[in-house]
Amino acid sequence: MYFGPGIEVSTNRTEFWHGTLWQESPLFGCEKMTINNIMFFTGEFIQYRIESNTKIGRILAFVTDENNNTKIKVQQFLYNYELPRNFHSAARDSTKLWMTDR
């Protein structure tokens, strides 16, 4: 049986460790990673930058892609102004974050 990080494949998901359950479970996969002498754990909240915009997210999993590169799966949180138009309202608190459904 395979015990290692989840494997992110684009097509032909034939093995159990290709799925999100394996990838996000600390029992099977990799639950921590060190980057630039900083230890990151699954479930932690992080700030990261995309195109000069600061984002907030939660680490879901550390996975390996088909080329054996390690990647971090992050669940993104949205600020009030990033919500779709139909969710905008004055009643929604602009200081709160909104979690996406992956």
N, C-alpha and C. Protein backbone atom coordinates (compact mmCIF):
# COMPACT_ATOMS: atom_id res chain seq x y z
N MET A 1 0.83 -1.17 0.00
CA MET A 1 0.00 0.00 0.00
C MET A 1 0.88 1.24 0.00
N TYR A 2 0.43 2.28 -0.65
CA TYR A 2 1.16 3.55 -0.77
C TYR A 2 0.88 4.43 0.43
N PHE A 3 1.93 4.93 1.07
CA PHE A 3 1.81 5.91 2.15
C PHE A 3 2.70 7.08 1.81
N GLY A 4 2.12 8.12 1.31
CA GLY A 4 2.86 9.31 0.92
C GLY A 4 1.88 10.41 0.61
N PRO A 5 2.41 11.53 0.12
CA PRO A 5 1.51 12.65 -0.19
C PRO A 5 0.55 12.30 -1.31
N GLY A 6 -0.59 12.97 -1.32
CA GLY A 6 -1.55 12.78 -2.40
C GLY A 6 -0.93 13.17 -3.73
N ILE A 7 -1.39 12.56 -4.78
CA ILE A 7 -0.86 12.83 -6.12
C ILE A 7 -1.95 13.51 -6.92
N GLU A 8 -1.64 14.69 -7.45
CA GLU A 8 -2.58 15.48 -8.25
C GLU A 8 -2.40 15.09 -9.71
N VAL A 9 -3.41 14.43 -10.27
CA VAL A 9 -3.37 14.05 -11.68
C VAL A 9 -4.50 14.74 -12.41
N SER A 10 -4.24 15.09 -13.67
CA SER A 10 -5.25 15.81 -14.44
C SER A 10 -6.28 14.86 -15.06
N THR A 11 -5.86 13.68 -15.41
CA THR A 11 -6.76 12.70 -16.02
C THR A 11 -6.49 11.32 -15.44
N ASN A 12 -7.42 10.41 -15.65
CA ASN A 12 -7.25 9.01 -15.29
C ASN A 12 -6.96 8.80 -13.81
N ARG A 13 -7.88 9.24 -12.97
CA ARG A 13 -7.75 9.03 -11.53
C ARG A 13 -8.14 7.60 -11.20
N THR A 14 -7.17 6.72 -11.17
CA THR A 14 -7.45 5.31 -10.97
C THR A 14 -7.12 4.81 -9.57
N GLU A 15 -6.32 5.55 -8.84
CA GLU A 15 -5.90 5.10 -7.52
C GLU A 15 -6.54 5.95 -6.43
N PHE A 16 -6.66 5.38 -5.25
CA PHE A 16 -7.28 6.07 -4.12
C PHE A 16 -6.52 7.34 -3.75
N TRP A 17 -5.19 7.33 -3.87
CA TRP A 17 -4.38 8.49 -3.48
C TRP A 17 -4.40 9.60 -4.51
N HIS A 18 -5.15 9.43 -5.59
CA HIS A 18 -5.36 10.51 -6.56
C HIS A 18 -6.51 11.43 -6.13
N GLY A 19 -7.30 11.01 -5.15
CA GLY A 19 -8.49 11.77 -4.75
C GLY A 19 -8.22 12.75 -3.62
N THR A 20 -9.20 13.62 -3.39
CA THR A 20 -9.03 14.66 -2.38
C THR A 20 -9.05 14.11 -0.95
N LEU A 21 -9.75 13.01 -0.71
CA LEU A 21 -9.78 12.44 0.63
C LEU A 21 -8.38 12.06 1.08
N TRP A 22 -7.63 11.40 0.22
CA TRP A 22 -6.25 11.01 0.55
C TRP A 22 -5.37 12.25 0.69
N GLN A 23 -5.52 13.19 -0.23
CA GLN A 23 -4.67 14.38 -0.23
C GLN A 23 -4.84 15.19 1.04
N GLU A 24 -6.06 15.32 1.53
CA GLU A 24 -6.34 16.20 2.65
C GLU A 24 -6.29 15.50 4.01
N SER A 25 -6.03 14.21 4.03
CA SER A 25 -5.98 13.49 5.29
C SER A 25 -4.55 13.45 5.83
N PRO A 26 -4.32 13.95 7.04
CA PRO A 26 -2.97 13.88 7.61
C PRO A 26 -2.56 12.46 7.97
N LEU A 27 -3.49 11.53 7.98
CA LEU A 27 -3.16 10.14 8.28
C LEU A 27 -2.38 9.48 7.14
N PHE A 28 -2.65 9.88 5.91
CA PHE A 28 -2.03 9.23 4.76
C PHE A 28 -0.92 10.05 4.14
N GLY A 29 -1.14 11.32 4.01
CA GLY A 29 -0.23 12.15 3.24
C GLY A 29 0.75 12.94 4.08
N CYS A 30 1.18 14.03 3.54
CA CYS A 30 2.15 14.91 4.16
C CYS A 30 1.38 16.00 4.91
N GLU A 31 1.59 16.10 6.23
CA GLU A 31 0.83 17.08 7.01
C GLU A 31 1.63 18.33 7.33
N LYS A 32 2.92 18.36 6.97
CA LYS A 32 3.72 19.56 7.20
C LYS A 32 4.80 19.69 6.14
N MET A 33 5.26 20.92 5.96
CA MET A 33 6.30 21.20 4.98
C MET A 33 7.08 22.42 5.42
N THR A 34 8.39 22.40 5.19
CA THR A 34 9.24 23.53 5.52
C THR A 34 9.62 24.26 4.24
N ILE A 35 9.34 25.57 4.21
CA ILE A 35 9.69 26.41 3.07
C ILE A 35 10.40 27.64 3.63
N ASN A 36 11.63 27.88 3.17
CA ASN A 36 12.44 29.02 3.66
C ASN A 36 12.53 29.04 5.18
N ASN A 37 12.81 27.88 5.76
CA ASN A 37 12.96 27.72 7.21
C ASN A 37 11.70 28.05 8.00
N ILE A 38 10.54 28.02 7.36
CA ILE A 38 9.26 28.22 8.04
C ILE A 38 8.44 26.95 7.88
N MET A 39 7.96 26.40 9.00
CA MET A 39 7.18 25.17 8.97
C MET A 39 5.71 25.51 8.76
N PHE A 40 5.10 24.87 7.75
CA PHE A 40 3.68 25.04 7.46
C PHE A 40 2.98 23.71 7.71
N PHE A 41 1.77 23.77 8.28
CA PHE A 41 0.98 22.59 8.57
C PHE A 41 -0.35 22.67 7.84
N THR A 42 -0.93 21.52 7.52
CA THR A 42 -2.27 21.53 6.93
C THR A 42 -3.24 22.08 7.96
N GLY A 43 -4.21 22.84 7.48
CA GLY A 43 -5.19 23.46 8.36
C GLY A 43 -4.82 24.86 8.80
N GLU A 44 -3.57 25.27 8.57
CA GLU A 44 -3.15 26.61 8.96
C GLU A 44 -3.70 27.66 8.01
N PHE A 45 -3.89 28.85 8.55
CA PHE A 45 -4.31 30.00 7.74
C PHE A 45 -3.06 30.75 7.30
N ILE A 46 -3.04 31.16 6.04
CA ILE A 46 -1.87 31.83 5.49
C ILE A 46 -2.29 33.07 4.70
N GLN A 47 -1.33 33.98 4.55
CA GLN A 47 -1.47 35.10 3.63
C GLN A 47 -0.52 34.84 2.48
N TYR A 48 -0.98 35.07 1.26
CA TYR A 48 -0.14 34.87 0.08
C TYR A 48 -0.48 35.94 -0.94
N ARG A 49 0.39 36.09 -1.92
CA ARG A 49 0.21 37.14 -2.91
C ARG A 49 0.01 36.53 -4.30
N ILE A 50 -0.96 37.08 -5.02
CA ILE A 50 -1.20 36.74 -6.42
C ILE A 50 -1.33 38.06 -7.16
N GLU A 51 -0.42 38.28 -8.10
CA GLU A 51 -0.44 39.50 -8.92
C GLU A 51 -0.59 40.75 -8.06
N SER A 52 0.25 40.91 -7.08
CA SER A 52 0.32 42.06 -6.16
C SER A 52 -0.93 42.22 -5.28
N ASN A 53 -1.80 41.23 -5.24
CA ASN A 53 -2.96 41.24 -4.34
C ASN A 53 -2.71 40.28 -3.19
N THR A 54 -2.95 40.72 -1.98
CA THR A 54 -2.80 39.85 -0.82
C THR A 54 -4.07 39.04 -0.64
N LYS A 55 -3.91 37.74 -0.53
CA LYS A 55 -5.03 36.82 -0.34
C LYS A 55 -4.86 36.11 0.99
N ILE A 56 -5.95 35.58 1.50
CA ILE A 56 -5.93 34.78 2.72
C ILE A 56 -6.54 33.43 2.39
N GLY A 57 -5.94 32.38 2.92
CA GLY A 57 -6.44 31.04 2.65
C GLY A 57 -6.07 30.08 3.76
N ARG A 58 -6.50 28.85 3.59
CA ARG A 58 -6.21 27.78 4.54
C ARG A 58 -5.57 26.64 3.78
N ILE A 59 -4.47 26.12 4.29
CA ILE A 59 -3.77 25.02 3.63
C ILE A 59 -4.61 23.76 3.75
N LEU A 60 -4.99 23.20 2.61
CA LEU A 60 -5.76 21.96 2.59
C LEU A 60 -4.85 20.74 2.51
N ALA A 61 -3.83 20.82 1.66
CA ALA A 61 -3.00 19.64 1.44
C ALA A 61 -1.70 20.02 0.75
N PHE A 62 -0.71 19.17 0.94
CA PHE A 62 0.53 19.22 0.18
C PHE A 62 0.47 18.03 -0.77
N VAL A 63 0.56 18.29 -2.06
CA VAL A 63 0.41 17.22 -3.05
C VAL A 63 1.60 17.22 -4.00
N THR A 64 1.75 16.12 -4.70
CA THR A 64 2.76 15.97 -5.72
C THR A 64 2.06 15.87 -7.06
N ASP A 65 2.54 16.61 -8.06
CA ASP A 65 1.90 16.52 -9.37
C ASP A 65 2.56 15.42 -10.20
N GLU A 66 2.12 15.29 -11.44
CA GLU A 66 2.61 14.22 -12.31
C GLU A 66 4.09 14.35 -12.63
N ASN A 67 4.65 15.56 -12.50
CA ASN A 67 6.07 15.80 -12.76
C ASN A 67 6.91 15.76 -11.49
N ASN A 68 6.33 15.26 -10.40
CA ASN A 68 6.99 15.12 -9.11
C ASN A 68 7.32 16.47 -8.46
N ASN A 69 6.58 17.51 -8.79
CA ASN A 69 6.71 18.82 -8.14
C ASN A 69 5.72 18.88 -6.97
N THR A 70 6.16 19.43 -5.86
CA THR A 70 5.29 19.57 -4.70
C THR A 70 4.48 20.86 -4.82
N LYS A 71 3.19 20.76 -4.55
CA LYS A 71 2.29 21.90 -4.61
C LYS A 71 1.48 21.98 -3.33
N ILE A 72 0.97 23.18 -3.05
CA ILE A 72 0.13 23.39 -1.88
C ILE A 72 -1.28 23.69 -2.36
N LYS A 73 -2.26 22.92 -1.88
CA LYS A 73 -3.66 23.20 -2.20
C LYS A 73 -4.20 24.12 -1.11
N VAL A 74 -4.73 25.27 -1.54
CA VAL A 74 -5.19 26.29 -0.61
C VAL A 74 -6.66 26.58 -0.84
N GLN A 75 -7.43 26.62 0.24
CA GLN A 75 -8.82 27.03 0.17
C GLN A 75 -8.84 28.54 0.33
N GLN A 76 -9.35 29.24 -0.66
CA GLN A 76 -9.30 30.69 -0.68
C GLN A 76 -10.44 31.31 0.12
N PHE A 77 -10.13 32.40 0.81
CA PHE A 77 -11.13 33.21 1.50
C PHE A 77 -11.28 34.50 0.72
N LEU A 78 -12.50 35.04 0.71
CA LEU A 78 -12.78 36.25 -0.05
C LEU A 78 -13.14 37.39 0.88
N TYR A 79 -12.70 38.58 0.51
CA TYR A 79 -13.14 39.79 1.19
C TYR A 79 -14.52 40.15 0.67
N ASN A 80 -15.22 41.02 1.37
CA ASN A 80 -16.57 41.42 0.99
C ASN A 80 -16.62 41.95 -0.45
N TYR A 81 -15.66 42.76 -0.83
CA TYR A 81 -15.66 43.35 -2.18
C TYR A 81 -15.35 42.32 -3.27
N GLU A 82 -14.87 41.14 -2.91
CA GLU A 82 -14.58 40.09 -3.89
C GLU A 82 -15.76 39.15 -4.12
N LEU A 83 -16.80 39.28 -3.31
CA LEU A 83 -17.97 38.41 -3.46
C LEU A 83 -18.69 38.70 -4.77
N PRO A 84 -19.37 37.71 -5.33
CA PRO A 84 -20.20 37.97 -6.51
C PRO A 84 -21.26 39.02 -6.20
N ARG A 85 -21.69 39.73 -7.22
CA ARG A 85 -22.61 40.87 -7.04
C ARG A 85 -23.89 40.51 -6.29
N ASN A 86 -24.43 39.31 -6.53
CA ASN A 86 -25.69 38.96 -5.88
C ASN A 86 -25.54 38.74 -4.37
N PHE A 87 -24.31 38.68 -3.86
CA PHE A 87 -24.09 38.54 -2.42
C PHE A 87 -23.72 39.86 -1.76
N HIS A 88 -23.52 40.91 -2.55
CA HIS A 88 -23.18 42.22 -1.99
C HIS A 88 -24.39 42.83 -1.31
N SER A 89 -24.18 43.37 -0.12
CA SER A 89 -25.23 44.14 0.56
C SER A 89 -24.58 44.97 1.65
N ALA A 90 -25.27 46.01 2.05
CA ALA A 90 -24.76 46.86 3.13
C ALA A 90 -24.78 46.13 4.46
N ALA A 91 -25.64 45.12 4.58
CA ALA A 91 -25.75 44.38 5.83
C ALA A 91 -24.56 43.45 6.06
N ARG A 92 -23.87 43.08 4.99
CA ARG A 92 -22.72 42.18 5.14
C ARG A 92 -21.53 42.99 5.67
N ASP A 93 -20.92 42.47 6.69
CA ASP A 93 -19.80 43.16 7.34
C ASP A 93 -18.58 43.14 6.42
N SER A 94 -18.04 44.31 6.15
CA SER A 94 -16.91 44.41 5.23
C SER A 94 -15.60 43.93 5.86
N THR A 95 -15.59 43.68 7.16
CA THR A 95 -14.37 43.22 7.81
C THR A 95 -14.29 41.70 7.89
N LYS A 96 -15.34 41.01 7.48
CA LYS A 96 -15.37 39.55 7.56
C LYS A 96 -14.84 38.93 6.28
N LEU A 97 -14.35 37.70 6.42
CA LEU A 97 -13.90 36.93 5.27
C LEU A 97 -14.94 35.87 4.95
N TRP A 98 -15.02 35.51 3.69
CA TRP A 98 -15.98 34.52 3.23
C TRP A 98 -15.23 33.34 2.63
N MET A 99 -15.55 32.15 3.11
CA MET A 99 -14.87 30.94 2.67
C MET A 99 -15.47 30.43 1.37
N THR A 100 -14.62 30.01 0.45
CA THR A 100 -15.10 29.43 -0.80
C THR A 100 -15.31 27.94 -0.62
N ASP A 101 -16.11 27.38 -1.49
CA ASP A 101 -16.34 25.94 -1.48
C ASP A 101 -15.46 25.31 -2.55
N ARG A 102 -14.21 25.40 -2.35
CA ARG A 102 -13.17 24.87 -3.23
C ARG A 102 -13.56 25.00 -4.65
